Structures are given as structure tokens and as C-alpha cells.
């Protein structure tokens, strides 16, 4: 893993609206993952989209665990 593959992503928890920052490893390519909110401990589903051409982070969709992303 290279340091330039790590991207800080800021957003708000879909449950409690607390501001959060997650470190995303773009070297993994596009993938889905779950992270817990640091404030309310609820599971957050993250859909991470990485460009196959540039390897850069294109988008992140965050939703509740029971949302279908």
C-alpha cells in the first residue's frame, strides 16, 4: 500500500449526523465496505468507486446498513 493511495473522506453519519472522516485505500479498487460510526456505533455501508483508468477516488456513497446501495 502506498501513501498516495490513501484518501481522507469526510461525511456525516446517516444515523446521528455526526461528522466523520474515514481513510480510504484506493489501491483496493472499487468495493463495498462497512464501518461503524465513531459516535453512535451504527454500521454504515460505504460504496467506494475508484477510477479503473486513473486509480483515483471517483465517489463514495454512504448509507444506512439496511439501505441497498
N, C-alpha and C. Protein backbone atom coordinates (compact mmCIF):
# COMPACT_ATOMS: atom_id res chain seq x y z
N UNK A 1 0.85 -1.18 0.00
CA UNK A 1 0.00 0.00 0.00
C UNK A 1 0.89 1.23 0.00
N UNK A 2 0.62 2.15 -0.90
CA UNK A 2 1.37 3.39 -0.98
C UNK A 2 0.60 4.51 -0.31
N UNK A 3 1.35 5.47 0.25
CA UNK A 3 0.69 6.59 0.94
C UNK A 3 -0.20 7.40 0.01
N UNK A 4 0.16 7.50 -1.29
CA UNK A 4 -0.67 8.28 -2.21
C UNK A 4 -1.98 7.57 -2.55
N UNK A 5 -2.11 6.30 -2.15
CA UNK A 5 -3.35 5.56 -2.37
C UNK A 5 -4.34 5.77 -1.23
N UNK A 6 -3.93 6.46 -0.17
CA UNK A 6 -4.79 6.71 0.98
C UNK A 6 -5.45 8.08 0.85
N UNK A 7 -6.77 8.10 0.98
CA UNK A 7 -7.54 9.33 0.83
C UNK A 7 -8.44 9.50 2.05
N UNK A 8 -8.40 10.69 2.66
CA UNK A 8 -9.34 11.01 3.74
C UNK A 8 -10.68 11.37 3.11
N UNK A 9 -11.75 10.79 3.63
CA UNK A 9 -13.09 11.08 3.13
C UNK A 9 -13.94 11.58 4.29
N UNK A 10 -14.45 12.81 4.16
CA UNK A 10 -15.27 13.44 5.20
C UNK A 10 -16.74 13.36 4.81
N UNK A 11 -17.59 12.98 5.74
CA UNK A 11 -19.04 12.96 5.52
C UNK A 11 -19.74 12.95 6.88
N UNK A 12 -21.05 12.84 6.88
CA UNK A 12 -21.83 12.80 8.11
C UNK A 12 -22.51 11.44 8.25
N UNK A 13 -22.58 10.96 9.46
CA UNK A 13 -23.23 9.68 9.74
C UNK A 13 -24.69 9.74 9.30
N UNK A 14 -25.15 8.72 8.55
CA UNK A 14 -26.55 8.72 8.12
C UNK A 14 -27.54 8.44 9.25
N UNK A 15 -27.05 8.07 10.42
CA UNK A 15 -27.91 7.81 11.58
C UNK A 15 -27.97 9.02 12.51
N UNK A 16 -26.81 9.48 13.00
CA UNK A 16 -26.80 10.53 14.03
C UNK A 16 -26.29 11.88 13.52
N UNK A 17 -25.88 11.95 12.25
CA UNK A 17 -25.41 13.16 11.59
C UNK A 17 -24.09 13.71 12.16
N UNK A 18 -23.34 12.89 12.89
CA UNK A 18 -22.03 13.32 13.39
C UNK A 18 -21.05 13.40 12.23
N UNK A 19 -20.17 14.40 12.26
CA UNK A 19 -19.15 14.47 11.21
C UNK A 19 -18.13 13.35 11.40
N UNK A 20 -17.76 12.69 10.30
CA UNK A 20 -16.83 11.57 10.35
C UNK A 20 -15.77 11.73 9.27
N UNK A 21 -14.62 11.13 9.50
CA UNK A 21 -13.57 11.04 8.50
C UNK A 21 -13.08 9.61 8.48
N UNK A 22 -13.10 8.99 7.30
CA UNK A 22 -12.57 7.65 7.13
C UNK A 22 -11.40 7.70 6.16
N UNK A 23 -10.43 6.85 6.38
CA UNK A 23 -9.28 6.71 5.50
C UNK A 23 -9.59 5.61 4.49
N UNK A 24 -9.59 5.95 3.21
CA UNK A 24 -9.93 5.00 2.15
C UNK A 24 -8.67 4.65 1.37
N UNK A 25 -8.46 3.36 1.19
CA UNK A 25 -7.32 2.85 0.43
C UNK A 25 -7.78 2.60 -1.00
N UNK A 26 -7.41 3.51 -1.92
CA UNK A 26 -7.85 3.40 -3.30
C UNK A 26 -7.13 2.27 -4.05
N UNK A 27 -6.06 1.73 -3.49
CA UNK A 27 -5.35 0.63 -4.17
C UNK A 27 -6.19 -0.64 -4.18
N UNK A 28 -7.26 -0.70 -3.38
CA UNK A 28 -8.17 -1.84 -3.36
C UNK A 28 -9.15 -1.81 -4.52
N UNK A 29 -9.20 -0.70 -5.26
CA UNK A 29 -10.16 -0.56 -6.34
C UNK A 29 -11.56 -0.31 -5.80
N UNK A 30 -12.55 -0.38 -6.68
CA UNK A 30 -13.94 -0.18 -6.26
C UNK A 30 -14.40 -1.34 -5.40
N UNK A 31 -15.09 -1.01 -4.31
CA UNK A 31 -15.56 -2.06 -3.40
C UNK A 31 -16.61 -1.50 -2.44
N UNK A 32 -17.31 -2.40 -1.78
CA UNK A 32 -18.25 -2.05 -0.71
C UNK A 32 -17.63 -2.46 0.61
N UNK A 33 -17.89 -1.67 1.63
CA UNK A 33 -17.38 -1.99 2.96
C UNK A 33 -18.34 -1.41 3.99
N UNK A 34 -18.18 -1.81 5.22
CA UNK A 34 -18.98 -1.30 6.33
C UNK A 34 -18.04 -0.78 7.38
N UNK A 35 -18.36 0.38 7.93
CA UNK A 35 -17.61 0.99 9.02
C UNK A 35 -18.60 1.41 10.08
N UNK A 36 -18.18 1.39 11.33
CA UNK A 36 -19.04 1.83 12.42
C UNK A 36 -18.84 3.32 12.68
N UNK A 37 -19.95 4.01 12.97
CA UNK A 37 -19.88 5.42 13.35
C UNK A 37 -19.11 5.52 14.67
N UNK A 38 -18.22 6.50 14.74
CA UNK A 38 -17.41 6.68 15.95
C UNK A 38 -18.23 7.25 17.11
N UNK A 39 -19.37 7.84 16.79
CA UNK A 39 -20.21 8.46 17.82
C UNK A 39 -21.32 7.51 18.30
N UNK A 40 -22.14 6.98 17.36
CA UNK A 40 -23.30 6.18 17.77
C UNK A 40 -23.10 4.68 17.55
N UNK A 41 -21.97 4.29 16.96
CA UNK A 41 -21.61 2.88 16.72
C UNK A 41 -22.50 2.16 15.70
N UNK A 42 -23.32 2.88 14.98
CA UNK A 42 -24.18 2.25 13.97
C UNK A 42 -23.34 1.84 12.76
N UNK A 43 -23.71 0.74 12.09
CA UNK A 43 -22.96 0.30 10.91
C UNK A 43 -23.33 1.13 9.69
N UNK A 44 -22.31 1.66 9.01
CA UNK A 44 -22.51 2.49 7.82
C UNK A 44 -21.97 1.73 6.62
N UNK A 45 -22.80 1.61 5.60
CA UNK A 45 -22.38 0.95 4.37
C UNK A 45 -21.72 2.01 3.47
N UNK A 46 -20.52 1.70 2.97
CA UNK A 46 -19.81 2.60 2.08
C UNK A 46 -19.59 1.90 0.74
N UNK A 47 -20.03 2.54 -0.33
CA UNK A 47 -19.77 2.05 -1.68
C UNK A 47 -18.68 2.97 -2.25
N UNK A 48 -17.50 2.40 -2.46
CA UNK A 48 -16.34 3.17 -2.89
C UNK A 48 -16.10 2.90 -4.37
N UNK A 49 -16.08 3.97 -5.16
CA UNK A 49 -15.88 3.87 -6.60
C UNK A 49 -14.52 4.50 -6.94
N UNK A 50 -13.62 3.67 -7.48
CA UNK A 50 -12.29 4.11 -7.87
C UNK A 50 -12.18 4.00 -9.39
N UNK A 51 -11.65 5.03 -10.02
CA UNK A 51 -11.48 5.02 -11.47
C UNK A 51 -10.51 3.92 -11.88
N UNK A 52 -10.92 3.04 -12.81
CA UNK A 52 -10.01 1.99 -13.27
C UNK A 52 -8.88 2.55 -14.14
N UNK A 53 -9.07 3.76 -14.66
CA UNK A 53 -8.06 4.36 -15.53
C UNK A 53 -7.00 5.10 -14.72
N UNK A 54 -7.45 5.98 -13.81
CA UNK A 54 -6.51 6.82 -13.05
C UNK A 54 -6.17 6.26 -11.69
N UNK A 55 -7.02 5.38 -11.14
CA UNK A 55 -6.80 4.86 -9.79
C UNK A 55 -7.19 5.84 -8.71
N UNK A 56 -7.82 6.95 -9.10
CA UNK A 56 -8.23 7.97 -8.13
C UNK A 56 -9.66 7.72 -7.67
N UNK A 57 -9.98 8.21 -6.49
CA UNK A 57 -11.31 8.07 -5.92
C UNK A 57 -12.30 8.89 -6.73
N UNK A 58 -13.31 8.22 -7.31
CA UNK A 58 -14.34 8.91 -8.09
C UNK A 58 -15.48 9.36 -7.18
N UNK A 59 -15.96 8.44 -6.34
CA UNK A 59 -17.08 8.79 -5.46
C UNK A 59 -17.20 7.80 -4.32
N UNK A 60 -17.90 8.25 -3.30
CA UNK A 60 -18.23 7.40 -2.15
C UNK A 60 -19.70 7.63 -1.85
N UNK A 61 -20.45 6.55 -1.74
CA UNK A 61 -21.85 6.63 -1.35
C UNK A 61 -21.96 6.00 0.03
N UNK A 62 -22.48 6.76 0.98
CA UNK A 62 -22.64 6.27 2.34
C UNK A 62 -24.12 6.12 2.66
N UNK A 63 -24.48 5.03 3.28
CA UNK A 63 -25.86 4.79 3.63
C UNK A 63 -26.01 3.96 4.88
N UNK A 64 -27.22 3.87 5.34
CA UNK A 64 -27.52 3.02 6.49
C UNK A 64 -27.28 1.57 6.11
N UNK A 65 -27.06 0.74 7.09
CA UNK A 65 -26.77 -0.67 6.86
C UNK A 65 -27.89 -1.37 6.10
N UNK A 66 -29.15 -0.95 6.33
CA UNK A 66 -30.27 -1.61 5.67
C UNK A 66 -30.63 -0.96 4.32
N UNK A 67 -29.91 0.10 3.91
CA UNK A 67 -30.10 0.68 2.57
C UNK A 67 -29.46 -0.26 1.56
N UNK A 68 -30.01 -0.28 0.37
CA UNK A 68 -29.43 -1.09 -0.70
C UNK A 68 -28.66 -0.14 -1.60
N UNK A 69 -27.33 -0.24 -1.57
CA UNK A 69 -26.50 0.64 -2.40
C UNK A 69 -26.03 -0.11 -3.61
